[in-house]
Protein backbone atom coordinates (compact mmCIF):
# COMPACT_ATOMS: atom_id res chain seq x y z
CA UNK A 1 78.16 32.53 -22.23
CA UNK A 2 81.44 34.19 -23.12
CA UNK A 3 83.35 30.95 -22.65
CA UNK A 4 82.96 27.61 -24.38
CA UNK A 5 79.50 26.78 -25.65
CA UNK A 6 79.81 23.51 -23.73
CA UNK A 7 80.76 25.22 -20.46
CA UNK A 8 78.18 24.96 -17.71
CA UNK A 9 80.22 24.81 -14.50
CA UNK A 10 81.87 27.97 -13.15
CA UNK A 11 84.82 26.91 -11.00
CA UNK A 12 86.11 29.00 -8.09
CA UNK A 13 88.44 28.26 -5.16
CA UNK A 14 87.02 25.21 -3.36
CA UNK A 15 83.55 25.53 -4.96
CA UNK A 16 81.63 25.56 -8.23
CA UNK A 17 78.38 27.11 -9.48
CA UNK A 18 76.00 26.22 -12.30
CA UNK A 19 73.94 29.19 -13.50
CA UNK A 20 70.40 29.64 -14.79
CA UNK A 21 70.82 32.24 -17.53
CA UNK A 22 67.14 33.20 -17.69
CA UNK A 23 66.89 33.88 -13.95
CA UNK A 24 70.39 35.31 -13.52
CA UNK A 25 70.79 33.09 -10.45
CA UNK A 26 72.51 29.79 -9.76
CA UNK A 27 70.75 26.48 -10.22
CA UNK A 28 73.05 25.29 -7.45
CA UNK A 29 76.44 25.69 -5.83
CA UNK A 30 78.72 22.96 -4.48
CA UNK A 31 81.61 23.46 -2.04
CA UNK A 32 84.27 21.03 -0.89
CA UNK A 33 85.05 21.43 2.83
CA UNK A 34 88.14 20.10 4.59
CA UNK A 35 87.52 20.34 8.32
CA UNK A 36 91.16 19.54 9.02
CA UNK A 37 92.47 22.48 6.96
CA UNK A 38 90.15 25.20 8.17
CA UNK A 39 91.99 28.42 9.00
CA UNK A 40 91.10 31.35 11.24
CA UNK A 41 90.93 34.16 8.69
CA UNK A 42 89.32 36.72 10.96
CA UNK A 43 85.90 38.31 10.81
CA UNK A 44 84.17 39.38 7.64
CA UNK A 45 85.12 43.01 6.96
CA UNK A 46 82.87 44.65 4.41
CA UNK A 47 81.49 43.05 1.29
CA UNK A 48 83.00 43.62 -2.13
CA UNK A 49 80.85 41.66 -4.55
CA UNK A 50 82.01 41.05 -8.12
CA UNK A 51 80.47 40.02 -11.39
CA UNK A 52 81.99 36.99 -13.07
CA UNK A 53 83.50 38.14 -16.40
CA UNK A 54 83.20 34.63 -17.84
CA UNK A 55 79.47 35.09 -18.39
CA UNK A 56 77.39 37.98 -19.73
CA UNK A 57 76.43 40.73 -17.30
CA UNK A 58 72.73 40.24 -18.00
CA UNK A 59 73.04 36.57 -16.99
CA UNK A 60 73.88 37.47 -13.36
CA UNK A 61 71.87 39.68 -11.03
CA UNK A 62 74.11 42.28 -9.38
CA UNK A 63 74.00 45.47 -7.35
CA UNK A 64 71.53 47.02 -9.76
CA UNK A 65 69.05 44.93 -7.73
CA UNK A 66 70.65 44.60 -4.29
CA UNK A 67 72.07 48.11 -4.08
CA UNK A 68 74.69 48.94 -1.47
CA UNK A 69 72.54 48.26 1.58
CA UNK A 70 74.54 47.51 4.72
CA UNK A 71 73.81 44.01 5.96
CA UNK A 72 72.55 45.06 9.38
CA UNK A 73 71.11 48.45 8.47
CA UNK A 74 67.88 49.10 10.33
CA UNK A 75 65.77 50.42 7.45
CA UNK A 76 65.27 47.68 4.88
CA UNK A 77 62.02 49.01 3.41
CA UNK A 78 63.59 49.98 0.09
CA UNK A 79 64.95 46.49 -0.46
CA UNK A 80 64.57 43.80 2.23
CA UNK A 81 66.63 41.26 0.29
CA UNK A 82 70.14 40.25 1.30
CA UNK A 83 72.74 38.97 -1.11
CA UNK A 84 72.29 35.50 0.31
CA UNK A 85 75.48 33.48 -0.03
CA UNK A 86 74.89 30.00 -1.42
CA UNK A 87 78.43 28.83 -0.66
CA UNK A 88 79.18 30.71 2.53
CA UNK A 89 82.52 32.42 2.99
CA UNK A 90 83.58 30.29 5.98
CA UNK A 91 82.89 27.02 4.16
CA UNK A 92 85.53 27.94 1.59
CA UNK A 93 88.15 29.27 4.06
CA UNK A 94 90.42 26.27 4.13
CA UNK A 95 93.83 25.67 2.62
CA UNK A 96 97.51 25.15 3.40
CA UNK A 97 97.98 28.67 4.77
CA UNK A 98 95.91 31.44 6.31
CA UNK A 99 96.57 33.65 3.28
CA UNK A 100 95.36 30.97 0.88
CA UNK A 101 92.27 30.26 2.98
CA UNK A 102 91.37 33.96 3.09
CA UNK A 103 91.71 34.19 -0.68
CA UNK A 104 89.43 31.17 -1.05
CA UNK A 105 86.81 32.73 1.25
CA UNK A 106 86.98 36.09 -0.49
CA UNK A 107 86.32 34.30 -3.79
CA UNK A 108 82.81 33.49 -2.54
CA UNK A 109 81.79 37.13 -3.09
CA UNK A 110 80.64 36.68 -6.67
CA UNK A 111 77.09 37.54 -7.71
CA UNK A 112 76.88 34.10 -9.28
CA UNK A 113 77.09 32.73 -5.71
CA UNK A 114 74.17 34.60 -4.19
CA UNK A 115 70.42 34.60 -4.36
CA UNK A 116 67.89 37.11 -2.95
CA UNK A 117 66.83 36.16 0.56
CA UNK A 118 64.77 38.16 3.03
CA UNK A 119 67.21 39.50 5.60
CA UNK A 120 65.32 37.79 8.43
CA UNK A 121 65.58 34.51 6.52
CA UNK A 122 69.24 34.95 5.59
CA UNK A 123 70.49 36.14 8.98
CA UNK A 124 68.28 34.10 11.31
CA UNK A 125 70.32 31.97 13.70
CA UNK A 126 67.63 29.29 13.59
CA UNK A 127 67.17 29.74 9.85
CA UNK A 128 69.57 29.86 6.88
CA UNK A 129 72.52 31.18 8.89
CA UNK A 130 71.85 28.62 11.59
CA UNK A 131 71.75 25.76 9.11
CA UNK A 132 75.02 27.02 7.62
CA UNK A 133 76.60 26.92 11.08
CA UNK A 134 75.22 23.46 11.77
CA UNK A 135 76.53 21.80 8.59
CA UNK A 136 79.96 23.42 9.00
CA UNK A 137 80.24 22.48 12.69
CA UNK A 138 79.49 18.83 11.89
CA UNK A 139 82.53 18.65 9.62
CA UNK A 140 84.85 20.75 11.78
CA UNK A 141 84.11 18.80 14.93
CA UNK A 142 85.62 15.61 13.53
CA UNK A 143 88.00 17.39 11.12
CA UNK A 144 86.12 15.64 8.34
CA UNK A 145 86.01 16.24 4.63
CA UNK A 146 82.59 16.80 3.13
CA UNK A 147 80.49 18.55 0.52
CA UNK A 148 77.70 21.07 0.94
CA UNK A 149 75.34 21.76 -1.95
CA UNK A 150 72.90 24.69 -1.97
CA UNK A 151 70.35 26.15 -4.32
CA UNK A 152 66.97 27.80 -4.84
CA UNK A 153 63.83 26.10 -6.08
CA UNK A 154 62.64 27.96 -9.15
CA UNK A 155 58.87 28.38 -9.61
CA UNK A 156 58.13 25.95 -6.80
CA UNK A 157 54.65 24.43 -6.45
CA UNK A 158 52.11 25.45 -3.85
CA UNK A 159 52.67 24.32 -0.28
CA UNK A 160 50.28 22.31 1.83
CA UNK A 161 49.21 23.37 5.32
CA UNK A 162 52.70 22.74 6.71
CA UNK A 163 54.38 25.08 4.20
CA UNK A 164 56.01 22.13 2.44
CA UNK A 165 55.70 22.23 -1.36
CA UNK A 166 54.19 19.19 -3.00
CA UNK A 167 56.70 17.78 -5.53
CA UNK A 168 53.81 16.46 -7.59
CA UNK A 169 52.07 19.83 -7.59
CA UNK A 170 51.91 22.28 -10.46
CA UNK A 171 54.71 24.82 -10.70
CA UNK A 172 53.80 28.39 -9.82
CA UNK A 173 55.79 31.34 -11.11
CA UNK A 174 57.85 33.02 -8.43
CA UNK A 175 56.69 36.53 -7.47
CA UNK A 176 58.74 39.57 -8.46
CA UNK A 177 60.30 42.46 -6.59
CA UNK A 178 62.29 45.19 -8.29
CA UNK A 179 62.04 43.32 -11.58
CA UNK A 180 63.58 40.14 -10.15
CA UNK A 181 61.74 36.88 -9.50
CA UNK A 182 62.30 35.78 -5.90
CA UNK A 183 62.62 32.04 -5.09
CA UNK A 184 60.14 30.82 -2.50
CA UNK A 185 62.27 27.90 -1.31
CA UNK A 186 65.95 27.05 -0.82
CA UNK A 187 67.58 23.67 -0.30
CA UNK A 188 70.83 22.38 1.18
CA UNK A 189 72.50 18.95 1.14
CA UNK A 190 75.31 17.85 3.47
CA UNK A 191 77.42 14.95 2.17
CA UNK A 192 79.97 13.21 4.39
CA UNK A 193 81.46 9.80 5.04
CA UNK A 194 81.39 7.80 8.28
CA UNK A 195 82.37 4.27 9.24
CA UNK A 196 79.32 2.91 7.40
CA UNK A 197 80.09 4.74 4.16
CA UNK A 198 78.66 7.76 2.36
CA UNK A 199 75.90 9.71 4.14
CA UNK A 200 73.73 12.54 2.82
CA UNK A 201 71.20 14.77 4.58
CA UNK A 202 68.88 17.14 2.72
CA UNK A 203 67.02 20.21 3.96
CA UNK A 204 64.39 22.54 2.55
CA UNK A 205 63.67 26.05 3.83
CA UNK A 206 60.67 28.12 2.92
CA UNK A 207 60.32 31.89 2.73
CA UNK A 208 57.09 31.45 0.81
CA UNK A 209 54.90 33.35 3.28
CA UNK A 210 57.20 36.34 2.95
CA UNK A 211 57.20 36.53 -0.84
CA UNK A 212 53.89 35.18 -2.15
CA UNK A 213 52.24 38.60 -2.28
CA UNK A 214 55.34 40.73 -2.55
CA UNK A 215 54.51 41.92 -6.04
CA UNK A 216 51.05 43.05 -4.92
CA UNK A 217 51.76 44.93 -1.69
CA UNK A 218 53.44 48.19 -0.87
CA UNK A 219 57.13 47.97 -0.10
CA UNK A 220 56.61 49.93 3.10
CA UNK A 221 54.39 47.14 4.43
CA UNK A 222 57.06 44.48 4.04
CA UNK A 223 58.74 44.98 7.39
CA UNK A 224 55.47 44.30 9.20
CA UNK A 225 55.33 40.86 7.60
CA UNK A 226 58.91 39.75 8.22
CA UNK A 227 59.54 37.47 11.14
CA UNK A 228 61.23 34.16 11.78
CA UNK A 229 57.80 32.61 12.26
CA UNK A 230 57.23 33.12 8.54
CA UNK A 231 60.03 30.70 7.68
CA UNK A 232 59.83 26.90 7.84
CA UNK A 233 62.67 24.36 7.93
CA UNK A 234 62.31 20.71 6.94
CA UNK A 235 64.56 17.70 6.66
CA UNK A 236 63.53 15.95 3.48
CA UNK A 237 64.67 13.06 1.34
CA UNK A 238 66.98 13.39 -1.65
CA UNK A 239 64.19 11.84 -3.72
CA UNK A 240 61.88 14.66 -2.61
CA UNK A 241 64.41 17.28 -3.68
CA UNK A 242 64.93 15.54 -7.00
CA UNK A 243 61.23 15.82 -7.81
CA UNK A 244 60.99 19.38 -6.54
CA UNK A 245 64.06 20.81 -8.29
CA UNK A 246 64.19 18.52 -11.35
CA UNK A 247 67.93 18.11 -10.61
CA UNK A 248 69.66 14.73 -10.76
CA UNK A 249 71.60 14.07 -7.54
CA UNK A 250 73.02 10.77 -8.76
CA UNK A 251 73.78 8.14 -6.13
CA UNK A 252 73.10 10.49 -3.20
CA UNK A 253 69.62 8.99 -2.90
CA UNK A 254 71.26 5.70 -1.91
CA UNK A 255 73.22 7.50 0.84
CA UNK A 256 70.20 9.39 2.24
CA UNK A 257 70.21 9.19 6.04
CA UNK A 258 66.70 10.62 6.20
CA UNK A 259 65.02 7.70 4.46
CA UNK A 260 66.39 5.25 7.01
CA UNK A 261 65.07 7.19 10.00
CA UNK A 262 61.79 8.77 8.97
CA UNK A 263 58.74 8.42 6.79
CA UNK A 264 58.15 11.60 4.83
CA UNK A 265 59.51 15.12 5.44
CA UNK A 266 60.03 16.27 9.02
CA UNK A 267 59.74 19.81 10.28
CA UNK A 268 62.85 20.96 12.15
CA UNK A 269 62.02 22.94 15.29
CA UNK A 270 65.63 22.89 16.54
CA UNK A 271 68.83 21.51 15.11
CA UNK A 272 68.73 18.71 17.69
CA UNK A 273 65.91 17.30 15.52
CA UNK A 274 68.27 16.66 12.58
CA UNK A 275 69.20 13.07 11.90
CA UNK A 276 72.45 12.32 10.12
CA UNK A 277 72.67 8.56 10.67
């Protein structure tokens, strides 16, 4: 760290990130969302990603890995990994004015706020992008305030037959591509308040099938293996995520809407399957 030896949280406009120095990726990100102050800042026009000067360059994975690949370019054989936003741009685009909201959204383009995701995983409307839309729409619909937390699972354990990792299982080192270890799983938590008090909903997404053998196959074969069917989405409990990530989510376990409506993790086939109450 170039800052204080006690510094662990990197603060940006409307969101924060806590980094894992060894992996060069975030442990997690956390964004405040004000559905009543969302602004129309226009479409995303080109990506200009920046390193954060507050931490060492070798503590954040940048374009030396991702390159300058266009997001929707057809040939992804050289590198099939997107710069997957943890805090998405649109979640941060709120403020008193359109200009301020645009500045807040543009601030999401830091390498500290992304993690390598297969492009089919990152862009899939029923996958990561779809879950991003869902959690944002929930807050915008009622002009609510809320929090969205996101992060990878580092060295996640093996999955059972349903692709869900066993929190009690032994950790397995993430496979590598281009010298970077690729997380097999990503998680997201939506926190909001309703008439009954604080509510939290947790989700886990797997790209395990896409990456388990990535360090042992030819890059040219990757595109044949990428499909949305290779990705699984689950609604899980906060307690499950705590065991899986080794992160302490505080009192969110007491606000977990999943525990009151289901026994064990549930696979999400469509976003109508999600339970928030």
